[in-house]
Protein backbone atom coordinates (compact mmCIF):
# COMPACT_ATOMS: atom_id res chain seq x y z
CA UNK A 1 76.18 -32.77 228.67
CA UNK A 2 75.84 -31.99 232.51
CA UNK A 3 75.03 -35.07 234.78
CA UNK A 4 73.26 -33.22 237.20
CA UNK A 5 69.42 -33.98 236.73
CA UNK A 6 67.84 -31.02 238.62
CA UNK A 7 68.72 -27.36 239.94
CA UNK A 8 67.29 -25.29 242.03
CA UNK A 9 66.11 -21.77 240.68
CA UNK A 10 69.06 -20.05 241.67
CA UNK A 11 71.51 -22.43 240.19
CA UNK A 12 69.36 -22.56 237.10
CA UNK A 13 69.57 -18.42 236.75
CA UNK A 14 73.22 -18.71 237.29
CA UNK A 15 74.00 -21.27 234.76
CA UNK A 16 71.07 -19.50 232.12
CA UNK A 17 72.95 -16.32 232.93
CA UNK A 18 76.39 -17.70 232.05
CA UNK A 19 74.95 -19.12 228.78
CA UNK A 20 75.32 -22.54 229.98
CA UNK A 21 73.66 -24.86 226.93
CA UNK A 22 72.46 -27.69 229.09
CA UNK A 23 70.88 -25.23 231.40
CA UNK A 24 68.54 -24.25 228.53
CA UNK A 25 67.86 -27.90 227.45
CA UNK A 26 66.87 -28.00 231.54
CA UNK A 27 64.55 -25.24 231.41
CA UNK A 28 62.96 -26.23 228.02
CA UNK A 29 62.70 -29.95 229.36
CA UNK A 30 61.14 -28.29 232.52
CA UNK A 31 58.98 -25.55 231.31
CA UNK A 32 57.94 -25.75 228.10
CA UNK A 33 55.11 -27.77 228.46
CA UNK A 34 53.71 -24.87 231.16
CA UNK A 35 54.33 -22.32 228.93
CA UNK A 36 52.98 -23.94 225.81
CA UNK A 37 49.57 -24.36 227.46
CA UNK A 38 49.65 -20.83 228.44
CA UNK A 39 50.17 -19.73 225.01
CA UNK A 40 47.68 -22.38 223.46
CA UNK A 41 44.73 -20.68 225.67
CA UNK A 42 45.51 -17.47 224.17
CA UNK A 43 46.32 -17.94 220.70
CA UNK A 44 44.06 -21.07 220.71
CA UNK A 45 46.12 -22.72 217.27
CA UNK A 46 48.60 -25.32 218.35
CA UNK A 47 51.02 -24.51 214.97
CA UNK A 48 50.96 -20.99 216.15
CA UNK A 49 51.38 -21.81 219.99
CA UNK A 50 54.51 -23.57 218.93
CA UNK A 51 56.06 -20.65 216.93
CA UNK A 52 55.47 -18.51 219.65
CA UNK A 53 56.65 -20.88 222.05
CA UNK A 54 60.02 -21.01 220.11
CA UNK A 55 59.86 -17.18 220.06
CA UNK A 56 59.28 -17.39 223.75
CA UNK A 57 62.57 -19.41 224.46
CA UNK A 58 64.80 -17.25 221.82
CA UNK A 59 63.40 -14.19 223.76
CA UNK A 60 64.67 -16.04 227.24
CA UNK A 61 67.53 -16.62 225.85
CA UNK A 62 68.59 -13.16 225.03
CA UNK A 63 66.78 -11.34 228.10
CA UNK A 64 67.97 -13.56 230.57
CA UNK A 65 70.43 -10.69 231.67
CA UNK A 66 67.37 -8.64 232.74
CA UNK A 67 66.11 -11.21 234.91
CA UNK A 68 65.94 -9.66 238.53
CA UNK A 69 65.61 -12.20 241.34
CA UNK A 70 64.42 -9.96 243.95
CA UNK A 71 61.20 -9.14 241.39
CA UNK A 72 59.68 -12.59 241.28
CA UNK A 73 60.11 -16.06 240.53
CA UNK A 74 61.83 -17.16 237.08
CA UNK A 75 58.79 -19.02 235.91
CA UNK A 76 56.82 -15.87 236.77
CA UNK A 77 59.00 -13.84 234.60
CA UNK A 78 59.10 -16.49 231.78
CA UNK A 79 55.27 -16.43 231.64
CA UNK A 80 55.39 -13.13 231.41
CA UNK A 81 57.49 -13.11 228.15
CA UNK A 82 54.93 -16.43 227.14
CA UNK A 83 51.47 -14.27 227.72
CA UNK A 84 53.01 -10.77 226.22
CA UNK A 85 54.45 -12.81 222.70
CA UNK A 86 51.00 -14.49 222.52
CA UNK A 87 48.81 -11.40 223.33
CA UNK A 88 51.43 -9.75 220.87
CA UNK A 89 50.30 -12.45 218.29
CA UNK A 90 47.05 -12.29 218.19
CA UNK A 91 47.25 -8.54 217.44
CA UNK A 92 49.60 -9.05 214.62
CA UNK A 93 47.95 -8.10 210.97
CA UNK A 94 48.81 -11.38 209.85
CA UNK A 95 46.83 -13.34 212.59
CA UNK A 96 44.03 -11.02 212.47
CA UNK A 97 43.88 -11.62 208.34
CA UNK A 98 43.95 -15.25 208.89
CA UNK A 99 41.23 -15.24 211.15
CA UNK A 100 39.01 -12.26 209.79
CA UNK A 101 36.47 -14.74 207.58
CA UNK A 102 35.75 -16.37 211.10
CA UNK A 103 32.75 -14.80 212.53
CA UNK A 104 32.51 -14.98 216.36
CA UNK A 105 29.69 -17.48 216.07
CA UNK A 106 31.92 -19.59 214.04
CA UNK A 107 34.54 -19.01 216.91
CA UNK A 108 32.67 -21.17 219.30
CA UNK A 109 35.11 -23.89 219.91
CA UNK A 110 37.46 -21.18 220.77
CA UNK A 111 35.30 -19.70 223.23
CA UNK A 112 34.11 -22.71 224.73
CA UNK A 113 37.95 -23.25 226.21
CA UNK A 114 37.23 -19.89 227.72
CA UNK A 115 34.19 -20.39 228.69
CA UNK A 116 35.25 -23.48 230.95
CA UNK A 117 38.22 -21.47 232.62
CA UNK A 118 35.88 -18.51 233.84
CA UNK A 119 33.06 -21.04 234.85
CA UNK A 120 34.67 -21.54 238.07
CA UNK A 121 34.15 -18.30 239.57
CA UNK A 122 30.77 -17.72 237.97
CA UNK A 123 31.94 -15.20 235.70
CA UNK A 124 30.05 -16.85 232.82
CA UNK A 125 26.78 -16.78 234.42
CA UNK A 126 27.62 -13.07 235.29
CA UNK A 127 28.33 -12.35 231.40
CA UNK A 128 24.83 -14.24 230.10
CA UNK A 129 23.31 -11.70 231.94
CA UNK A 130 24.16 -8.79 230.01
CA UNK A 131 22.51 -7.95 227.11
CA UNK A 132 23.65 -10.00 223.68
CA UNK A 133 25.66 -6.42 222.14
CA UNK A 134 27.46 -5.92 225.28
CA UNK A 135 28.12 -9.71 225.85
CA UNK A 136 29.36 -10.15 222.42
CA UNK A 137 31.80 -7.36 222.79
CA UNK A 138 33.12 -8.41 226.42
CA UNK A 139 33.79 -11.81 224.97
CA UNK A 140 36.01 -10.00 221.84
CA UNK A 141 37.86 -7.61 224.26
CA UNK A 142 38.34 -9.76 227.60
CA UNK A 143 38.16 -13.55 226.64
CA UNK A 144 39.73 -13.08 223.23
CA UNK A 145 42.05 -10.42 223.66
CA UNK A 146 41.08 -7.99 221.06
CA UNK A 147 41.49 -4.10 221.31
CA UNK A 148 39.02 -1.82 221.20
CA UNK A 149 39.89 -0.75 217.89
CA UNK A 150 39.77 -3.92 216.38
CA UNK A 151 36.36 -4.92 217.94
CA UNK A 152 35.02 -1.83 216.25
CA UNK A 153 36.35 -2.99 213.00
CA UNK A 154 34.84 -6.72 213.66
CA UNK A 155 31.51 -5.64 214.31
CA UNK A 156 31.26 -2.67 211.88
CA UNK A 157 30.49 -0.18 215.05
CA UNK A 158 31.96 3.31 215.97
CA UNK A 159 34.77 3.26 218.03
CA UNK A 160 33.05 5.42 220.81
CA UNK A 161 29.81 2.68 220.53
CA UNK A 162 32.32 0.10 221.33
CA UNK A 163 34.08 1.93 224.35
CA UNK A 164 30.58 3.41 225.61
CA UNK A 165 28.76 -0.64 225.65
CA UNK A 166 31.77 -2.03 226.85
CA UNK A 167 31.56 0.47 229.91
CA UNK A 168 28.53 -0.41 230.70
CA UNK A 169 28.87 -3.74 230.53
CA UNK A 170 31.85 -3.53 233.01
CA UNK A 171 29.66 -1.73 235.27
CA UNK A 172 26.69 -3.93 235.33
CA UNK A 173 28.97 -6.82 235.94
CA UNK A 174 30.45 -5.48 239.11
CA UNK A 175 26.44 -5.13 239.87
CA UNK A 176 25.90 -8.65 239.00
CA UNK A 177 29.06 -9.88 241.03
CA UNK A 178 28.44 -7.93 244.27
């Protein structure tokens, strides 16, 4: 175990690329909390978020050689890995099947945490002005991360209708936010 308690980002990256185990311990100790909170905001299940976090650190271990300091900070790179892993999880068939029986109305707790985040920028007021059929599609697509195809299946409406309603809702939102 290293006696050094802190690393600069450059030192940490060099040690990570050398596969230094104590640098990975340091990385986990200092970044896992922030990454976990980002993952949890997306998947909204503590157990699944913990599993995704472990997957993220395995990916960081495997992909550290692809990190390029000239393209951004280490945390930003790790954040993108975490965000993508969380989105992949909610789009996975296993996750969808486990949540299939929960309707949008039954998902109010998940929506509440997302609503708290968007209230600060006034987006919630603008979304609330939309027609109910547009509002539910915007919430599914942009707040819960579903694809248009998944939304068509959830709402039992044609894919073309989903796309048309979302496009119209986005145009309305632009008008409201001007």
